Amino acid sequence: MEFNRDNDGGCDLAEVLFDKDDSSDIVLVNGKGREATFRQIYATVAGGKVYCILAPVEDVEGIAEDEAFVFELGEGQTLTVVRDAEMSGAVFSEYYRAIAEGGK
């Protein structure tokens, strides 16, 4: 999915994800041109790559209301869902540690 810069003021996605004062929703566009809006949960860098946890804002059939996904930021402001359970688990574990320590 690609970051919709038109809806987000032309900002760089990494800047939005790591701006502690910016908790605005992230609008992504899939290959078919359909938009999906996600709430920012957490962002981190691991192994030189940017990962983020995002949760769908709208109800999506087949997805629990409190479910969130780990995405990897790629070239051209694209986000790809991380399907590697170990990496996804590592990002969520880091997020839970940050919450326990009082971080974002």
C-alpha atoms as a PDB file:
ATOM      1  CA  MET A   1       0.000   0.000   0.000  1.00  0.00           C
ATOM      2  CA  GLU A   2       1.231   3.471  -0.774  1.00  0.00           C
ATOM      3  CA  PHE A   3       1.093   6.490   1.527  1.00  0.00           C
ATOM      4  CA  ASN A   4      -1.421   9.040   0.218  1.00  0.00           C
ATOM      5  CA  ARG A   5       0.591  12.265   0.397  1.00  0.00           C
ATOM      6  CA  ASP A   6      -2.313  14.321  -0.944  1.00  0.00           C
ATOM      7  CA  ASN A   7      -4.338  13.593   2.187  1.00  0.00           C
ATOM      8  CA  ASP A   8      -1.369  14.143   4.486  1.00  0.00           C
ATOM      9  CA  GLY A   9      -0.035  17.498   3.339  1.00  0.00           C
ATOM     10  CA  GLY A  10       2.843  16.158   1.236  1.00  0.00           C
ATOM     11  CA  CYS A  11       4.799  14.972   4.297  1.00  0.00           C
ATOM     12  CA  ASP A  12       7.328  12.177   4.319  1.00  0.00           C
ATOM     13  CA  LEU A  13       5.784   9.088   5.903  1.00  0.00           C
ATOM     14  CA  ALA A  14       8.781   8.359   8.146  1.00  0.00           C
ATOM     15  CA  GLU A  15       8.590  11.920   9.499  1.00  0.00           C
ATOM     16  CA  VAL A  16       4.910  11.461  10.300  1.00  0.00           C
ATOM     17  CA  LEU A  17       5.480   8.092  11.985  1.00  0.00           C
ATOM     18  CA  PHE A  18       8.309   9.316  14.207  1.00  0.00           C
ATOM     19  CA  ASP A  19       6.816  12.729  15.095  1.00  0.00           C
ATOM     20  CA  LYS A  20       5.690  12.304  18.717  1.00  0.00           C
ATOM     21  CA  ASP A  21       3.382  15.324  18.326  1.00  0.00           C
ATOM     22  CA  ASP A  22       1.676  13.974  15.199  1.00  0.00           C
ATOM     23  CA  SER A  23      -0.840  11.225  15.889  1.00  0.00           C
ATOM     24  CA  SER A  24      -2.895  11.875  12.769  1.00  0.00           C
ATOM     25  CA  ASP A  25      -4.354   8.978  10.856  1.00  0.00           C
ATOM     26  CA  ILE A  26      -2.371   7.467   7.975  1.00  0.00           C
ATOM     27  CA  VAL A  27      -4.194   7.120   4.652  1.00  0.00           C
ATOM     28  CA  LEU A  28      -2.894   4.343   2.402  1.00  0.00           C
ATOM     29  CA  VAL A  29      -3.879   3.506  -1.164  1.00  0.00           C
ATOM     30  CA  ASN A  30      -3.745  -0.072  -2.459  1.00  0.00           C
ATOM     31  CA  GLY A  31      -2.885  -1.146  -6.002  1.00  0.00           C
ATOM     32  CA  LYS A  32      -6.532  -0.813  -7.054  1.00  0.00           C
ATOM     33  CA  GLY A  33      -6.765   2.813  -5.886  1.00  0.00           C
ATOM     34  CA  ARG A  34      -8.834   2.056  -2.772  1.00  0.00           C
ATOM     35  CA  GLU A  35      -8.008   4.115   0.289  1.00  0.00           C
ATOM     36  CA  ALA A  36      -7.756   2.721   3.803  1.00  0.00           C
ATOM     37  CA  THR A  37      -7.246   4.810   6.918  1.00  0.00           C
ATOM     38  CA  PHE A  38      -5.082   3.582   9.788  1.00  0.00           C
ATOM     39  CA  ARG A  39      -4.421   4.863  13.290  1.00  0.00           C
ATOM     40  CA  GLN A  40      -0.769   5.210  14.291  1.00  0.00           C
ATOM     41  CA  ILE A  41       0.273   2.964  17.169  1.00  0.00           C
ATOM     42  CA  TYR A  42       4.077   2.707  17.139  1.00  0.00           C
ATOM     43  CA  ALA A  43       7.133   3.086  14.890  1.00  0.00           C
ATOM     44  CA  THR A  44      10.662   1.748  15.230  1.00  0.00           C
ATOM     45  CA  VAL A  45      13.836   0.994  13.307  1.00  0.00           C
ATOM     46  CA  ALA A  46      15.240  -2.544  13.314  1.00  0.00           C
ATOM     47  CA  GLY A  47      18.014  -3.874  11.118  1.00  0.00           C
ATOM     48  CA  GLY A  48      18.132  -0.581   9.235  1.00  0.00           C
ATOM     49  CA  LYS A  49      14.451  -0.819   8.251  1.00  0.00           C
ATOM     50  CA  VAL A  50      11.467   1.193   9.480  1.00  0.00           C
ATOM     51  CA  TYR A  51       8.553  -0.753  10.937  1.00  0.00           C
ATOM     52  CA  CYS A  52       5.269   0.562  12.260  1.00  0.00           C
ATOM     53  CA  ILE A  53       2.175  -0.762  13.953  1.00  0.00           C
ATOM     54  CA  LEU A  54      -1.051   0.568  12.469  1.00  0.00           C
ATOM     55  CA  ALA A  55      -4.692  -0.254  13.215  1.00  0.00           C
ATOM     56  CA  PRO A  56      -7.563   0.158  10.748  1.00  0.00           C
ATOM     57  CA  VAL A  57      -9.847   3.062  11.633  1.00  0.00           C
ATOM     58  CA  GLU A  58     -12.905   1.676   9.855  1.00  0.00           C
ATOM     59  CA  ASP A  59     -14.425  -1.716  10.549  1.00  0.00           C
ATOM     60  CA  VAL A  60     -13.037  -4.311   8.163  1.00  0.00           C
ATOM     61  CA  GLU A  61     -14.814  -7.618   7.623  1.00  0.00           C
ATOM     62  CA  GLY A  62     -12.839 -10.480   9.108  1.00  0.00           C
ATOM     63  CA  ILE A  63     -10.623  -8.236  11.252  1.00  0.00           C
ATOM     64  CA  ALA A  64     -11.202  -7.839  14.983  1.00  0.00           C
ATOM     65  CA  GLU A  65     -11.962  -4.327  16.206  1.00  0.00           C
ATOM     66  CA  ASP A  66      -8.778  -4.185  18.299  1.00  0.00           C
ATOM     67  CA  GLU A  67      -6.457  -5.814  15.734  1.00  0.00           C
ATOM     68  CA  ALA A  68      -3.350  -4.017  14.485  1.00  0.00           C
ATOM     69  CA  PHE A  69      -0.727  -4.868  11.885  1.00  0.00           C
ATOM     70  CA  VAL A  70       3.019  -4.468  11.542  1.00  0.00           C
ATOM     71  CA  PHE A  71       4.104  -2.804   8.309  1.00  0.00           C
ATOM     72  CA  GLU A  72       7.553  -2.312   6.794  1.00  0.00           C
ATOM     73  CA  LEU A  73       8.300   1.024   5.125  1.00  0.00           C
ATOM     74  CA  GLY A  74       9.804   0.516   1.681  1.00  0.00           C
ATOM     75  CA  GLU A  75      10.874   2.554  -1.315  1.00  0.00           C
ATOM     76  CA  GLY A  76       8.488   5.191  -2.597  1.00  0.00           C
ATOM     77  CA  GLN A  77       6.597   5.549   0.694  1.00  0.00           C
ATOM     78  CA  THR A  78       5.076   2.079   0.398  1.00  0.00           C
ATOM     79  CA  LEU A  79       4.045   0.010   3.377  1.00  0.00           C
ATOM     80  CA  THR A  80       3.971  -3.769   3.227  1.00  0.00           C
ATOM     81  CA  VAL A  81       2.345  -5.945   5.871  1.00  0.00           C
ATOM     82  CA  VAL A  82       5.010  -7.977   7.668  1.00  0.00           C
ATOM     83  CA  ARG A  83       4.065 -11.631   7.313  1.00  0.00           C
ATOM     84  CA  ASP A  84       7.110 -12.960   9.170  1.00  0.00           C
ATOM     85  CA  ALA A  85       5.697 -13.900  12.591  1.00  0.00           C
ATOM     86  CA  GLU A  86       9.077 -13.552  14.295  1.00  0.00           C
ATOM     87  CA  MET A  87       9.640  -9.991  13.029  1.00  0.00           C
ATOM     88  CA  SER A  88       6.059  -8.988  13.712  1.00  0.00           C
ATOM     89  CA  GLY A  89       6.312 -10.400  17.231  1.00  0.00           C
ATOM     90  CA  ALA A  90       9.594  -8.554  17.820  1.00  0.00           C
ATOM     91  CA  VAL A  91       8.018  -5.215  16.838  1.00  0.00           C
ATOM     92  CA  PHE A  92       5.014  -5.824  19.105  1.00  0.00           C
ATOM     93  CA  SER A  93       7.328  -6.872  21.972  1.00  0.00           C
ATOM     94  CA  GLU A  94       9.312  -3.655  21.584  1.00  0.00           C
ATOM     95  CA  TYR A  95       6.054  -1.684  21.603  1.00  0.00           C
ATOM     96  CA  TYR A  96       4.879  -3.394  24.804  1.00  0.00           C
ATOM     97  CA  ARG A  97       8.254  -2.654  26.464  1.00  0.00           C
ATOM     98  CA  ALA A  98       7.979   1.006  25.433  1.00  0.00           C
ATOM     99  CA  ILE A  99       4.474   1.205  26.899  1.00  0.00           C
ATOM    100  CA  ALA A 100       5.687  -0.388  30.156  1.00  0.00           C
ATOM    101  CA  GLU A 101       8.467   2.223  30.318  1.00  0.00           C
ATOM    102  CA  GLY A 102       5.996   5.055  29.687  1.00  0.00           C
ATOM    103  CA  GLY A 103       6.914   5.775  26.041  1.00  0.00           C
ATOM    104  CA  LYS A 104       4.782   6.174  22.931  1.00  0.00           C
END
